[in-house]
C-alpha atoms as a PDB file:
ATOM      1  CA  MET A   1       0.392  21.271 -12.956  1.00  0.00           C
ATOM      2  CA  ASN A   2      -1.677  18.326 -11.707  1.00  0.00           C
ATOM      3  CA  LYS A   3      -1.602  18.511  -7.806  1.00  0.00           C
ATOM      4  CA  ILE A   4      -1.470  14.885  -7.534  1.00  0.00           C
ATOM      5  CA  PHE A   5       2.318  14.847  -7.941  1.00  0.00           C
ATOM      6  CA  LEU A   6       2.551  17.165  -4.841  1.00  0.00           C
ATOM      7  CA  ASN A   7       0.533  14.917  -2.541  1.00  0.00           C
ATOM      8  CA  LYS A   8       2.780  13.325   0.179  1.00  0.00           C
ATOM      9  CA  ASP A   9       0.069  11.045   1.332  1.00  0.00           C
ATOM     10  CA  ILE A  10      -0.078   9.290  -2.101  1.00  0.00           C
ATOM     11  CA  LEU A  11       3.902   9.086  -2.039  1.00  0.00           C
ATOM     12  CA  LYS A  12       3.512   7.687   1.619  1.00  0.00           C
ATOM     13  CA  GLY A  13       0.840   5.334   0.759  1.00  0.00           C
ATOM     14  CA  PHE A  14       2.287   3.704  -2.247  1.00  0.00           C
ATOM     15  CA  GLY A  15       5.570   3.184  -0.226  1.00  0.00           C
ATOM     16  CA  ILE A  16       3.509   1.451   2.637  1.00  0.00           C
ATOM     17  CA  LEU A  17       1.794  -0.629  -0.092  1.00  0.00           C
ATOM     18  CA  GLU A  18       5.232  -1.768  -1.669  1.00  0.00           C
ATOM     19  CA  ILE A  19       6.331  -2.935   2.069  1.00  0.00           C
ATOM     20  CA  ILE A  20       3.175  -4.772   2.599  1.00  0.00           C
ATOM     21  CA  LEU A  21       3.176  -6.420  -0.818  1.00  0.00           C
ATOM     22  CA  PHE A  22       6.897  -7.361  -0.377  1.00  0.00           C
ATOM     23  CA  LEU A  23       6.207  -8.883   3.180  1.00  0.00           C
ATOM     24  CA  VAL A  24       3.193 -10.890   1.976  1.00  0.00           C
ATOM     25  CA  SER A  25       5.479 -12.498  -0.585  1.00  0.00           C
ATOM     26  CA  ILE A  26       8.006 -13.185   1.823  1.00  0.00           C
ATOM     27  CA  VAL A  27       5.315 -14.750   4.101  1.00  0.00           C
ATOM     28  CA  ILE A  28       4.064 -17.029   1.397  1.00  0.00           C
ATOM     29  CA  LYS A  29       7.366 -18.164   0.438  1.00  0.00           C
ATOM     30  CA  LEU A  30       7.987 -19.282   3.815  1.00  0.00           C
ATOM     31  CA  LEU A  31       4.575 -21.039   4.141  1.00  0.00           C
ATOM     32  CA  LYS A  32       5.312 -22.970   0.848  1.00  0.00           C
ATOM     33  CA  MET A  33       8.960 -24.048   1.477  1.00  0.00           C
ATOM     34  CA  PRO A  34       8.000 -26.985   4.092  1.00  0.00           C
ATOM     35  CA  TYR A  35       6.006 -28.520   0.956  1.00  0.00           C
ATOM     36  CA  LYS A  36       8.836 -28.449  -1.410  1.00  0.00           C
ATOM     37  CA  PRO A  37       9.179 -32.051  -2.722  1.00  0.00           C
ATOM     38  CA  GLN A  38      12.182 -33.532  -1.449  1.00  0.00           C
ATOM     39  CA  GLY A  39      14.333 -36.419  -2.966  1.00  0.00           C
ATOM     40  CA  TYR A  40      14.005 -38.559  -6.025  1.00  0.00           C
ATOM     41  CA  LEU A  41      11.379 -41.039  -4.906  1.00  0.00           C
ATOM     42  CA  ILE A  42       7.985 -39.869  -6.393  1.00  0.00           C
ATOM     43  CA  ASP A  43       5.350 -41.316  -3.878  1.00  0.00           C
ATOM     44  CA  ASN A  44       2.026 -40.142  -2.425  1.00  0.00           C
ATOM     45  CA  GLU A  45       3.492 -38.020   0.085  1.00  0.00           C
ATOM     46  CA  PHE A  46       5.875 -36.589  -2.781  1.00  0.00           C
ATOM     47  CA  LEU A  47       2.680 -35.882  -4.867  1.00  0.00           C
ATOM     48  CA  ARG A  48       0.769 -34.231  -1.806  1.00  0.00           C
ATOM     49  CA  ASN A  49       3.368 -31.898  -1.104  1.00  0.00           C
ATOM     50  CA  LEU A  50       3.800 -30.959  -4.700  1.00  0.00           C
ATOM     51  CA  VAL A  51       0.186 -30.058  -4.844  1.00  0.00           C
ATOM     52  CA  ARG A  52       0.542 -27.739  -1.728  1.00  0.00           C
ATOM     53  CA  TYR A  53       3.789 -26.363  -2.932  1.00  0.00           C
ATOM     54  CA  ASN A  54       2.105 -25.279  -6.173  1.00  0.00           C
ATOM     55  CA  TYR A  55      -0.821 -23.856  -4.465  1.00  0.00           C
ATOM     56  CA  TYR A  56       1.095 -21.530  -2.304  1.00  0.00           C
ATOM     57  CA  ASN A  57       3.325 -20.960  -5.463  1.00  0.00           C
ATOM     58  CA  ASP A  58       0.403 -19.432  -7.458  1.00  0.00           C
ATOM     59  CA  PHE A  59      -0.319 -16.888  -4.840  1.00  0.00           C
ATOM     60  CA  GLN A  60       3.425 -15.936  -4.441  1.00  0.00           C
ATOM     61  CA  ASN A  61       3.616 -15.388  -7.919  1.00  0.00           C
ATOM     62  CA  ALA A  62       0.264 -13.324  -7.826  1.00  0.00           C
ATOM     63  CA  PHE A  63       1.658 -10.773  -5.185  1.00  0.00           C
ATOM     64  CA  GLY A  64       5.284 -10.887  -6.736  1.00  0.00           C
ATOM     65  CA  ILE A  65       3.596  -9.610  -9.983  1.00  0.00           C
ATOM     66  CA  LEU A  66       1.495  -6.911  -8.235  1.00  0.00           C
ATOM     67  CA  PHE A  67       4.536  -5.905  -6.275  1.00  0.00           C
ATOM     68  CA  LEU A  68       6.628  -5.498  -9.607  1.00  0.00           C
ATOM     69  CA  PHE A  69       4.006  -3.637 -11.517  1.00  0.00           C
ATOM     70  CA  ALA A  70       3.225  -1.524  -8.462  1.00  0.00           C
ATOM     71  CA  SER A  71       7.020  -0.698  -8.082  1.00  0.00           C
ATOM     72  CA  ALA A  72       7.281   0.460 -11.892  1.00  0.00           C
ATOM     73  CA  ALA A  73       3.947   2.680 -11.022  1.00  0.00           C
ATOM     74  CA  TYR A  74       5.698   4.304  -7.998  1.00  0.00           C
ATOM     75  CA  ILE A  75       8.887   4.796  -9.882  1.00  0.00           C
ATOM     76  CA  PHE A  76       7.137   6.838 -12.509  1.00  0.00           C
ATOM     77  CA  TYR A  77       5.111   8.783  -9.614  1.00  0.00           C
ATOM     78  CA  VAL A  78       8.560   9.337  -7.923  1.00  0.00           C
ATOM     79  CA  VAL A  79       9.793  10.904 -10.920  1.00  0.00           C
ATOM     80  CA  GLY A  80       6.931  13.014 -11.335  1.00  0.00           C
ATOM     81  CA  TYR A  81       6.875  14.111  -7.751  1.00  0.00           C
ATOM     82  CA  VAL A  82      10.632  15.139  -7.819  1.00  0.00           C
ATOM     83  CA  LYS A  83      10.210  17.068 -11.031  1.00  0.00           C
ATOM     84  CA  ALA A  84       6.861  18.723  -9.597  1.00  0.00           C
ATOM     85  CA  LYS A  85       8.840  19.569  -6.564  1.00  0.00           C
ATOM     86  CA  ARG A  86      11.644  21.213  -8.676  1.00  0.00           C
ATOM     87  CA  LYS A  87       9.037  22.876 -10.949  1.00  0.00           C
ATOM     88  CA  THR A  88      10.752  21.109 -13.962  1.00  0.00           C
ATOM     89  CA  LEU A  89       7.613  18.811 -15.013  1.00  0.00           C
ATOM     90  CA  SER A  90       6.969  19.318 -18.375  1.00  0.00           C
ATOM     91  CA  SER A  91       3.408  19.014 -19.557  1.00  0.00           C
ATOM     92  CA  THR A  92       4.443  16.204 -22.024  1.00  0.00           C
ATOM     93  CA  LEU A  93       6.006  14.071 -19.139  1.00  0.00           C
ATOM     94  CA  GLU A  94       3.002  14.938 -16.687  1.00  0.00           C
ATOM     95  CA  SER A  95       0.487  13.600 -19.331  1.00  0.00           C
ATOM     96  CA  ALA A  96       2.781  10.493 -20.158  1.00  0.00           C
ATOM     97  CA  ILE A  97       3.153   9.618 -16.481  1.00  0.00           C
ATOM     98  CA  LEU A  98      -0.710  10.012 -15.723  1.00  0.00           C
ATOM     99  CA  LYS A  99      -1.423   7.428 -18.545  1.00  0.00           C
ATOM    100  CA  ILE A 100       1.284   5.246 -17.589  1.00  0.00           C
ATOM    101  CA  PHE A 101       0.780   5.027 -14.021  1.00  0.00           C
ATOM    102  CA  PRO A 102      -2.679   3.581 -13.882  1.00  0.00           C
ATOM    103  CA  CYS A 103      -1.723   1.230 -16.791  1.00  0.00           C
ATOM    104  CA  PHE A 104       0.906  -0.416 -14.591  1.00  0.00           C
ATOM    105  CA  LEU A 105      -1.451  -0.541 -11.733  1.00  0.00           C
ATOM    106  CA  LEU A 106      -4.297  -2.120 -13.702  1.00  0.00           C
ATOM    107  CA  ALA A 107      -2.119  -4.428 -15.688  1.00  0.00           C
ATOM    108  CA  GLY A 108      -0.647  -5.750 -12.195  1.00  0.00           C
ATOM    109  CA  LEU A 109      -4.051  -6.138 -10.688  1.00  0.00           C
ATOM    110  CA  LEU A 110      -5.140  -8.246 -13.623  1.00  0.00           C
ATOM    111  CA  LEU A 111      -2.373 -10.490 -13.590  1.00  0.00           C
ATOM    112  CA  CYS A 112      -2.407 -10.939  -9.940  1.00  0.00           C
ATOM    113  CA  GLY A 113      -6.204 -11.839 -10.057  1.00  0.00           C
ATOM    114  CA  PHE A 114      -5.421 -14.256 -12.715  1.00  0.00           C
ATOM    115  CA  GLN A 115      -2.918 -15.954 -10.559  1.00  0.00           C
ATOM    116  CA  ILE A 116      -5.101 -15.829  -7.346  1.00  0.00           C
ATOM    117  CA  LYS A 117      -7.766 -17.371  -9.451  1.00  0.00           C
ATOM    118  CA  GLU A 118      -5.454 -20.290 -10.507  1.00  0.00           C
ATOM    119  CA  GLY A 119      -4.477 -20.955  -6.662  1.00  0.00           C
ATOM    120  CA  LEU A 120      -8.152 -20.802  -5.468  1.00  0.00           C
ATOM    121  CA  SER A 121      -9.241 -23.236  -8.267  1.00  0.00           C
ATOM    122  CA  THR A 122      -7.031 -26.004  -6.802  1.00  0.00           C
ATOM    123  CA  ASP A 123      -9.230 -28.972  -5.881  1.00  0.00           C
ATOM    124  CA  PHE A 124      -7.306 -30.934  -3.219  1.00  0.00           C
ATOM    125  CA  ASP A 125     -10.065 -33.614  -3.484  1.00  0.00           C
ATOM    126  CA  LEU A 126      -8.984 -34.561  -6.894  1.00  0.00           C
ATOM    127  CA  PRO A 127      -6.737 -37.602  -7.154  1.00  0.00           C
ATOM    128  CA  THR A 128      -2.943 -37.347  -7.673  1.00  0.00           C
ATOM    129  CA  TYR A 129      -1.065 -39.782  -9.645  1.00  0.00           C
ATOM    130  CA  ALA A 130       1.970 -39.994 -12.155  1.00  0.00           C
ATOM    131  CA  LYS A 131       2.260 -41.462 -15.757  1.00  0.00           C
ATOM    132  CA  THR A 132       5.392 -42.517 -17.810  1.00  0.00           C
ATOM    133  CA  GLU A 133       5.671 -40.471 -20.731  1.00  0.00           C
ATOM    134  CA  ILE A 134       8.323 -40.091 -23.614  1.00  0.00           C
ATOM    135  CA  LEU A 135       9.362 -36.795 -24.832  1.00  0.00           C
ATOM    136  CA  VAL A 136       8.546 -37.068 -28.631  1.00  0.00           C
ATOM    137  CA  ALA A 137       9.411 -33.656 -29.770  1.00  0.00           C
ATOM    138  CA  LYS A 138      11.417 -30.371 -29.103  1.00  0.00           C
ATOM    139  CA  THR A 139      10.048 -27.231 -30.907  1.00  0.00           C
ATOM    140  CA  GLU A 140      11.264 -23.409 -30.879  1.00  0.00           C
ATOM    141  CA  HIS A 141       8.664 -20.822 -31.197  1.00  0.00           C
ATOM    142  CA  GLN A 142       9.847 -17.377 -32.352  1.00  0.00           C
ATOM    143  CA  ASN A 143       7.921 -14.211 -31.793  1.00  0.00           C
ATOM    144  CA  LYS A 144       8.876 -10.447 -32.361  1.00  0.00           C
ATOM    145  CA  LYS A 145      10.469 -10.151 -28.983  1.00  0.00           C
ATOM    146  CA  SER A 146      11.381 -13.653 -27.554  1.00  0.00           C
ATOM    147  CA  LYS A 147      11.713 -17.210 -28.248  1.00  0.00           C
ATOM    148  CA  SER A 148      10.219 -20.054 -26.474  1.00  0.00           C
ATOM    149  CA  PHE A 149      11.217 -23.673 -26.067  1.00  0.00           C
ATOM    150  CA  VAL A 150       8.529 -26.240 -25.907  1.00  0.00           C
ATOM    151  CA  PHE A 151       8.518 -30.000 -25.099  1.00  0.00           C
ATOM    152  CA  THR A 152       5.825 -32.248 -26.525  1.00  0.00           C
ATOM    153  CA  PHE A 153       5.292 -35.499 -24.792  1.00  0.00           C
ATOM    154  CA  SER A 154       3.594 -39.009 -26.040  1.00  0.00           C
ATOM    155  CA  ASN A 155       0.407 -38.056 -24.600  1.00  0.00           C
ATOM    156  CA  GLY A 156       0.160 -34.831 -26.239  1.00  0.00           C
ATOM    157  CA  VAL A 157       1.057 -32.708 -23.055  1.00  0.00           C
ATOM    158  CA  THR A 158       3.344 -29.869 -23.699  1.00  0.00           C
ATOM    159  CA  LYS A 159       5.443 -27.922 -21.457  1.00  0.00           C
ATOM    160  CA  GLU A 160       7.694 -24.653 -22.023  1.00  0.00           C
ATOM    161  CA  VAL A 161      11.119 -25.014 -20.540  1.00  0.00           C
ATOM    162  CA  PRO A 162      14.374 -22.944 -20.132  1.00  0.00           C
ATOM    163  CA  LYS A 163      16.713 -22.715 -23.042  1.00  0.00           C
ATOM    164  CA  LYS A 164      19.269 -24.703 -21.117  1.00  0.00           C
ATOM    165  CA  GLU A 165      17.211 -27.599 -20.430  1.00  0.00           C
ATOM    166  CA  PHE A 166      15.580 -27.845 -23.925  1.00  0.00           C
ATOM    167  CA  LEU A 167      19.378 -28.130 -25.226  1.00  0.00           C
ATOM    168  CA  GLU A 168      20.432 -30.600 -22.906  1.00  0.00           C
ATOM    169  CA  THR A 169      17.264 -32.917 -22.875  1.00  0.00           C
ATOM    170  CA  PRO A 170      17.128 -35.449 -25.765  1.00  0.00           C
ATOM    171  CA  VAL A 171      14.163 -36.610 -27.655  1.00  0.00           C
ATOM    172  CA  ASN A 172      13.108 -39.940 -26.394  1.00  0.00           C
ATOM    173  CA  ARG A 173      13.883 -39.357 -22.863  1.00  0.00           C
ATOM    174  CA  ILE A 174      11.327 -40.830 -20.511  1.00  0.00           C
ATOM    175  CA  PHE A 175       9.523 -38.676 -17.897  1.00  0.00           C
ATOM    176  CA  TYR A 176       7.081 -39.122 -14.892  1.00  0.00           C
ATOM    177  CA  ILE A 177       4.500 -36.595 -15.408  1.00  0.00           C
ATOM    178  CA  ALA A 178       2.367 -35.983 -12.024  1.00  0.00           C
ATOM    179  CA  TYR A 179      -1.119 -34.816 -12.348  1.00  0.00           C
ATOM    180  CA  LEU A 180      -3.863 -33.536 -10.184  1.00  0.00           C
ATOM    181  CA  GLY A 181      -6.904 -34.712 -11.788  1.00  0.00           C
ATOM    182  CA  ASN A 182      -6.279 -34.202 -15.359  1.00  0.00           C
ATOM    183  CA  THR A 183      -3.831 -31.331 -14.907  1.00  0.00           C
ATOM    184  CA  PRO A 184       0.009 -31.753 -15.172  1.00  0.00           C
ATOM    185  CA  ILE A 185       1.559 -30.426 -12.258  1.00  0.00           C
ATOM    186  CA  GLY A 186       5.251 -31.733 -12.457  1.00  0.00           C
ATOM    187  CA  PHE A 187       7.517 -33.220 -15.006  1.00  0.00           C
ATOM    188  CA  TYR A 188      10.464 -35.332 -13.656  1.00  0.00           C
ATOM    189  CA  PRO A 189      13.114 -37.465 -15.886  1.00  0.00           C
ATOM    190  CA  ALA A 190      12.801 -41.256 -15.273  1.00  0.00           C
ATOM    191  CA  ASP A 191      16.769 -41.593 -15.073  1.00  0.00           C
ATOM    192  CA  LYS A 192      16.905 -39.220 -12.087  1.00  0.00           C
ATOM    193  CA  TYR A 193      13.453 -40.132 -10.204  1.00  0.00           C
ATOM    194  CA  GLN A 194      11.914 -43.465  -9.155  1.00  0.00           C
ATOM    195  CA  LEU A 195       8.225 -43.653  -9.304  1.00  0.00           C
ATOM    196  CA  VAL A 196       6.690 -45.724  -6.256  1.00  0.00           C
ATOM    197  CA  LEU A 197       3.041 -45.027  -5.742  1.00  0.00           C
ATOM    198  CA  LYS A 198       0.618 -46.843  -3.302  1.00  0.00           C
ATOM    199  CA  PRO A 199      -2.957 -47.535  -4.534  1.00  0.00           C
END
C-alpha cells in the first residue's frame, strides 16, 4: 500500500489549500462587485466599469476553477485515506486514485493559468466603445455530450448564450455590443438599454 494515503500532513495541507482558494475567490468577488455596471444607460462610466468588472471576473473564474478541481482531487485523496486507514484499499482503487489525483490538479492548474492570462492581458489603455448590431442568426451546435446555443450578429461577432435566452430572443433584434479595443466585452438589447457615449 502506498504510504501517501497515510500521510496526515498531505490531508491537512490540502484542506488548508481548499480554504485559501475559497477565501481568495470570495475576496475577488467582493473586489469586482463595485464595478458591476448598473442601470440601463450605456455611457463612458458604464463601459469603464464593465472593463474592470470583467477583469476581476477572469481572476474569480481562475481561482473558482482551481478550487473545483482541487476539491475533486481532495475527495479522491480522502477516499484513499479512509480506506487505507481501514485497510480496505484495493490495489485497483489505489492505482486509479494515484492516476486521477494528479490529473485533476494539472487540469485545474492549466485552466486557472489560462484564465489568469486572460485577465493579465487586459489593456486598460485600449479605447472602449459600443456599436449597434443586429442579431442575424441563431444556431444550435450538438456534440456528444451537450448542445450549445450561439448568436451571430451583423458584424460577424458570435456569442454563446443560455438556452432560455436563445429561445426568447428573436432574430433581427437590435443589440449594443460593447468593445475594449477590438474585443467584444458586453452584449445589450437595444430595447432595454440606451446608448449615450461622449466623444
